[in-house]
Every structure is written in structure tokens, then in C-alpha cells.
Amino acid sequence: MFGIDSSELMLIALVALLVIGPKDLPKAMRWVGQWVGKARAMSRHMRSGFDAMMREAEMEEMQKLWAQQNEAIMKATALPENMLPDLSGPLPAEPSYDPWPVAPPEATVETPPAAEAAPPVKKPRKPRAKKPAATGEAA
């Protein structure tokens, strides 16, 4: 990322161990890791913002280009004035053709009558055996 070789990284780690000390080195590394994570998150957020702005700008350019192309196509394929139908008058009330030239077939299948529901049959319960009472008295 910054062009640091492994030998340079070992030298930085050795200096950090001597300056900070072995007792506080894990706390310092955790602190550095948190700040590096925050910096990466901020750069990711900035990059996504720039990407969104670029996409919006590209979309605006594409919409302008599409509008120009659409206008050119419409001019090239436009009908002459005398070829357009006159739509200012009233529309016909009903179509002049039969939408159902053949009558739909009648239903000839009869459905069976619903069977009367019989009440559910209850099975008799077996009587439970009574447990002797545990009162502490001998029987």
C-alpha cells in the first residue's frame, strides 16, 4: 500500500516495541487498528459518494442523448398532416362486429347434492386407575 518492505516493517515493529514497551504494545496496536478501520470506512463512504455522483451525471447525459435520438426518430418517421385520422368527432357507441361469434356452451354437468354432515362419533374413555393417596399413613 505505501511501498513498505518486510524488512522496513520489522524495523518499525522493533522501534515500536522499544518505545512503547511490551506491556502497552497490544493497547497501542488496538488503538491504531481502530483508527485505520475508521479511516478506511471514511474513504469507502467518500468513494461511494463520488461513484453515485458520477452515475447521476452519466444518467443525465444518457437521458439527453436518448431524448435527442428519440426526437430524430420521431421526425424521420412522422406521418404527413393529411394522413392522420380525424379524431375530433364522436366515437362509435358499440363495435360493429360480434365479439362472441359462437355462443359459449351451456353447463350440462350436474353437481351432486352436498351430503348431510353426521355428528362426530365419540369414543368412550377408559376409566383411569386411581392412585393411592400419599398421606404417609400405612394401609
C-alpha atoms as a PDB file:
ATOM      1  CA  MET A   1       0.000   0.000   0.000  1.00  0.00           C
ATOM      2  CA  PHE A   2       2.704   2.510   0.993  1.00  0.00           C
ATOM      3  CA  GLY A   3       5.585   0.542  -0.518  1.00  0.00           C
ATOM      4  CA  ILE A   4       6.830  -0.848   2.816  1.00  0.00           C
ATOM      5  CA  ASP A   5       9.030  -3.925   2.507  1.00  0.00           C
ATOM      6  CA  SER A   6       9.105  -6.689   5.115  1.00  0.00           C
ATOM      7  CA  SER A   7      12.493  -5.521   6.447  1.00  0.00           C
ATOM      8  CA  GLU A   8      11.149  -1.976   6.944  1.00  0.00           C
ATOM      9  CA  LEU A   9       8.062  -3.375   8.667  1.00  0.00           C
ATOM     10  CA  MET A  10      10.262  -5.411  11.039  1.00  0.00           C
ATOM     11  CA  LEU A  11      12.291  -2.269  11.859  1.00  0.00           C
ATOM     12  CA  ILE A  12       9.069  -0.303  12.607  1.00  0.00           C
ATOM     13  CA  ALA A  13       7.815  -3.140  14.838  1.00  0.00           C
ATOM     14  CA  LEU A  14      11.144  -3.259  16.732  1.00  0.00           C
ATOM     15  CA  VAL A  15      11.166   0.523  17.294  1.00  0.00           C
ATOM     16  CA  ALA A  16       7.527   0.397  18.460  1.00  0.00           C
ATOM     17  CA  LEU A  17       8.387  -2.417  20.887  1.00  0.00           C
ATOM     18  CA  LEU A  18      11.293  -0.429  22.328  1.00  0.00           C
ATOM     19  CA  VAL A  19       9.461   2.926  22.505  1.00  0.00           C
ATOM     20  CA  ILE A  20       6.035   1.769  23.712  1.00  0.00           C
ATOM     21  CA  GLY A  21       7.122  -1.291  25.645  1.00  0.00           C
ATOM     22  CA  PRO A  22       5.788  -4.829  25.655  1.00  0.00           C
ATOM     23  CA  LYS A  23       3.135  -4.030  28.274  1.00  0.00           C
ATOM     24  CA  ASP A  24       1.356  -1.258  26.353  1.00  0.00           C
ATOM     25  CA  LEU A  25       2.043  -2.529  22.814  1.00  0.00           C
ATOM     26  CA  PRO A  26      -1.257  -4.510  22.491  1.00  0.00           C
ATOM     27  CA  LYS A  27      -3.281  -1.438  23.564  1.00  0.00           C
ATOM     28  CA  ALA A  28      -1.389   0.745  21.093  1.00  0.00           C
ATOM     29  CA  MET A  29      -1.904  -1.762  18.261  1.00  0.00           C
ATOM     30  CA  ARG A  30      -5.637  -1.976  19.049  1.00  0.00           C
ATOM     31  CA  TRP A  31      -5.854   1.835  19.021  1.00  0.00           C
ATOM     32  CA  VAL A  32      -4.011   2.031  15.684  1.00  0.00           C
ATOM     33  CA  GLY A  33      -6.249  -0.698  14.247  1.00  0.00           C
ATOM     34  CA  GLN A  34      -9.399   1.187  15.263  1.00  0.00           C
ATOM     35  CA  TRP A  35      -8.175   4.393  13.628  1.00  0.00           C
ATOM     36  CA  VAL A  36      -7.158   2.557  10.464  1.00  0.00           C
ATOM     37  CA  GLY A  37     -10.637   0.985  10.336  1.00  0.00           C
ATOM     38  CA  LYS A  38     -12.295   4.381  10.757  1.00  0.00           C
ATOM     39  CA  ALA A  39     -10.098   5.865   8.012  1.00  0.00           C
ATOM     40  CA  ARG A  40     -10.990   3.015   5.654  1.00  0.00           C
ATOM     41  CA  ALA A  41     -14.706   3.442   6.397  1.00  0.00           C
ATOM     42  CA  MET A  42     -14.493   7.180   5.690  1.00  0.00           C
ATOM     43  CA  SER A  43     -12.639   6.611   2.417  1.00  0.00           C
ATOM     44  CA  ARG A  44     -15.192   3.948   1.408  1.00  0.00           C
ATOM     45  CA  HIS A  45     -18.013   6.402   2.164  1.00  0.00           C
ATOM     46  CA  MET A  46     -16.329   9.159   0.134  1.00  0.00           C
ATOM     47  CA  ARG A  47     -15.719   6.807  -2.785  1.00  0.00           C
ATOM     48  CA  SER A  48     -19.346   5.640  -2.810  1.00  0.00           C
ATOM     49  CA  GLY A  49     -20.473   9.293  -2.821  1.00  0.00           C
ATOM     50  CA  PHE A  50     -18.242  10.085  -5.789  1.00  0.00           C
ATOM     51  CA  ASP A  51     -19.438   6.971  -7.594  1.00  0.00           C
ATOM     52  CA  ALA A  52     -23.076   7.965  -7.031  1.00  0.00           C
ATOM     53  CA  MET A  53     -22.417  11.468  -8.384  1.00  0.00           C
ATOM     54  CA  MET A  54     -20.686  10.012 -11.449  1.00  0.00           C
ATOM     55  CA  ARG A  55     -23.590   7.629 -12.106  1.00  0.00           C
ATOM     56  CA  GLU A  56     -26.087  10.503 -11.845  1.00  0.00           C
ATOM     57  CA  ALA A  57     -24.054  12.647 -14.240  1.00  0.00           C
ATOM     58  CA  GLU A  58     -23.766   9.764 -16.712  1.00  0.00           C
ATOM     59  CA  MET A  59     -27.508   9.092 -16.465  1.00  0.00           C
ATOM     60  CA  GLU A  60     -28.303  12.753 -17.208  1.00  0.00           C
ATOM     61  CA  GLU A  61     -26.021  12.643 -20.251  1.00  0.00           C
ATOM     62  CA  MET A  62     -27.613   9.394 -21.443  1.00  0.00           C
ATOM     63  CA  GLN A  63     -31.136  10.804 -20.970  1.00  0.00           C
ATOM     64  CA  LYS A  64     -30.237  13.873 -23.044  1.00  0.00           C
ATOM     65  CA  LEU A  65     -28.762  11.649 -25.757  1.00  0.00           C
ATOM     66  CA  TRP A  66     -31.831   9.382 -25.742  1.00  0.00           C
ATOM     67  CA  ALA A  67     -34.155  12.387 -25.957  1.00  0.00           C
ATOM     68  CA  GLN A  68     -32.223  13.701 -28.986  1.00  0.00           C
ATOM     69  CA  GLN A  69     -32.282  10.301 -30.685  1.00  0.00           C
ATOM     70  CA  ASN A  70     -35.988   9.865 -29.928  1.00  0.00           C
ATOM     71  CA  GLU A  71     -36.771  13.287 -31.392  1.00  0.00           C
ATOM     72  CA  ALA A  72     -34.758  12.487 -34.527  1.00  0.00           C
ATOM     73  CA  ILE A  73     -36.568   9.158 -34.949  1.00  0.00           C
ATOM     74  CA  MET A  74     -39.967  10.785 -34.453  1.00  0.00           C
ATOM     75  CA  LYS A  75     -39.183  13.434 -37.089  1.00  0.00           C
ATOM     76  CA  ALA A  76     -37.912  10.819 -39.541  1.00  0.00           C
ATOM     77  CA  THR A  77     -40.981   8.593 -39.177  1.00  0.00           C
ATOM     78  CA  ALA A  78     -43.680  11.270 -38.830  1.00  0.00           C
ATOM     79  CA  LEU A  79     -46.806  10.914 -40.972  1.00  0.00           C
ATOM     80  CA  PRO A  80     -47.876  13.810 -43.197  1.00  0.00           C
ATOM     81  CA  GLU A  81     -50.700  16.017 -41.887  1.00  0.00           C
ATOM     82  CA  ASN A  82     -53.275  14.705 -44.381  1.00  0.00           C
ATOM     83  CA  MET A  83     -52.569  11.068 -43.396  1.00  0.00           C
ATOM     84  CA  LEU A  84     -53.664  11.492 -39.774  1.00  0.00           C
ATOM     85  CA  PRO A  85     -57.195  10.318 -38.927  1.00  0.00           C
ATOM     86  CA  ASP A  86     -59.749  12.854 -37.708  1.00  0.00           C
ATOM     87  CA  LEU A  87     -60.354  12.077 -34.025  1.00  0.00           C
ATOM     88  CA  SER A  88     -62.324  15.209 -33.210  1.00  0.00           C
ATOM     89  CA  GLY A  89     -65.741  13.624 -33.895  1.00  0.00           C
ATOM     90  CA  PRO A  90     -67.702  11.267 -31.624  1.00  0.00           C
ATOM     91  CA  LEU A  91     -66.573   7.692 -31.268  1.00  0.00           C
ATOM     92  CA  PRO A  92     -68.913   4.833 -32.252  1.00  0.00           C
ATOM     93  CA  ALA A  93     -71.057   3.635 -29.350  1.00  0.00           C
ATOM     94  CA  GLU A  94     -70.695  -0.111 -29.958  1.00  0.00           C
ATOM     95  CA  PRO A  95     -68.386  -2.176 -32.113  1.00  0.00           C
ATOM     96  CA  SER A  96     -69.802  -3.222 -35.462  1.00  0.00           C
ATOM     97  CA  TYR A  97     -68.681  -6.826 -35.021  1.00  0.00           C
ATOM     98  CA  ASP A  98     -69.845  -9.559 -32.661  1.00  0.00           C
ATOM     99  CA  PRO A  99     -67.093 -10.183 -30.093  1.00  0.00           C
ATOM    100  CA  TRP A 100     -68.586 -13.668 -29.378  1.00  0.00           C
ATOM    101  CA  PRO A 101     -69.458 -15.198 -32.735  1.00  0.00           C
ATOM    102  CA  VAL A 102     -70.176 -18.576 -31.132  1.00  0.00           C
ATOM    103  CA  ALA A 103     -72.333 -18.866 -28.031  1.00  0.00           C
ATOM    104  CA  PRO A 104     -70.499 -20.361 -25.059  1.00  0.00           C
ATOM    105  CA  PRO A 105     -71.540 -23.947 -24.301  1.00  0.00           C
ATOM    106  CA  GLU A 106     -74.077 -24.426 -21.552  1.00  0.00           C
ATOM    107  CA  ALA A 107     -73.075 -26.304 -18.448  1.00  0.00           C
ATOM    108  CA  THR A 108     -74.682 -29.755 -18.602  1.00  0.00           C
ATOM    109  CA  VAL A 109     -72.783 -31.437 -15.770  1.00  0.00           C
ATOM    110  CA  GLU A 110     -74.812 -31.603 -12.599  1.00  0.00           C
ATOM    111  CA  THR A 111     -73.069 -31.379  -9.295  1.00  0.00           C
ATOM    112  CA  PRO A 112     -74.081 -33.967  -6.677  1.00  0.00           C
ATOM    113  CA  PRO A 113     -76.017 -32.624  -3.677  1.00  0.00           C
ATOM    114  CA  ALA A 114     -73.981 -31.961  -0.592  1.00  0.00           C
ATOM    115  CA  ALA A 115     -74.003 -34.880   1.821  1.00  0.00           C
ATOM    116  CA  GLU A 116     -75.518 -34.166   5.203  1.00  0.00           C
ATOM    117  CA  ALA A 117     -72.836 -33.946   7.814  1.00  0.00           C
ATOM    118  CA  ALA A 118     -73.233 -36.586  10.508  1.00  0.00           C
ATOM    119  CA  PRO A 119     -72.258 -35.643  14.040  1.00  0.00           C
ATOM    120  CA  PRO A 120     -68.821 -36.926  15.015  1.00  0.00           C
ATOM    121  CA  VAL A 121     -68.773 -40.227  16.895  1.00  0.00           C
ATOM    122  CA  LYS A 122     -67.182 -40.032  20.323  1.00  0.00           C
ATOM    123  CA  LYS A 123     -65.264 -42.989  21.624  1.00  0.00           C
ATOM    124  CA  PRO A 124     -65.862 -43.929  25.252  1.00  0.00           C
ATOM    125  CA  ARG A 125     -62.944 -43.205  27.517  1.00  0.00           C
ATOM    126  CA  LYS A 126     -61.314 -45.855  29.628  1.00  0.00           C
ATOM    127  CA  PRO A 127     -61.541 -45.115  33.325  1.00  0.00           C
ATOM    128  CA  ARG A 128     -58.213 -44.260  34.862  1.00  0.00           C
ATOM    129  CA  ALA A 129     -56.892 -46.259  37.745  1.00  0.00           C
ATOM    130  CA  LYS A 130     -56.873 -44.258  40.950  1.00  0.00           C
ATOM    131  CA  LYS A 131     -53.505 -43.773  42.564  1.00  0.00           C
ATOM    132  CA  PRO A 132     -53.277 -44.341  46.278  1.00  0.00           C
ATOM    133  CA  ALA A 133     -53.051 -41.161  48.277  1.00  0.00           C
ATOM    134  CA  ALA A 134     -49.605 -40.394  49.584  1.00  0.00           C
ATOM    135  CA  THR A 135     -50.582 -39.139  53.036  1.00  0.00           C
ATOM    136  CA  GLY A 136     -47.969 -41.029  54.922  1.00  0.00           C
ATOM    137  CA  GLU A 137     -50.409 -43.468  56.581  1.00  0.00           C
ATOM    138  CA  ALA A 138     -49.871 -47.154  56.150  1.00  0.00           C
ATOM    139  CA  ALA A 139     -52.787 -49.032  54.679  1.00  0.00           C
END
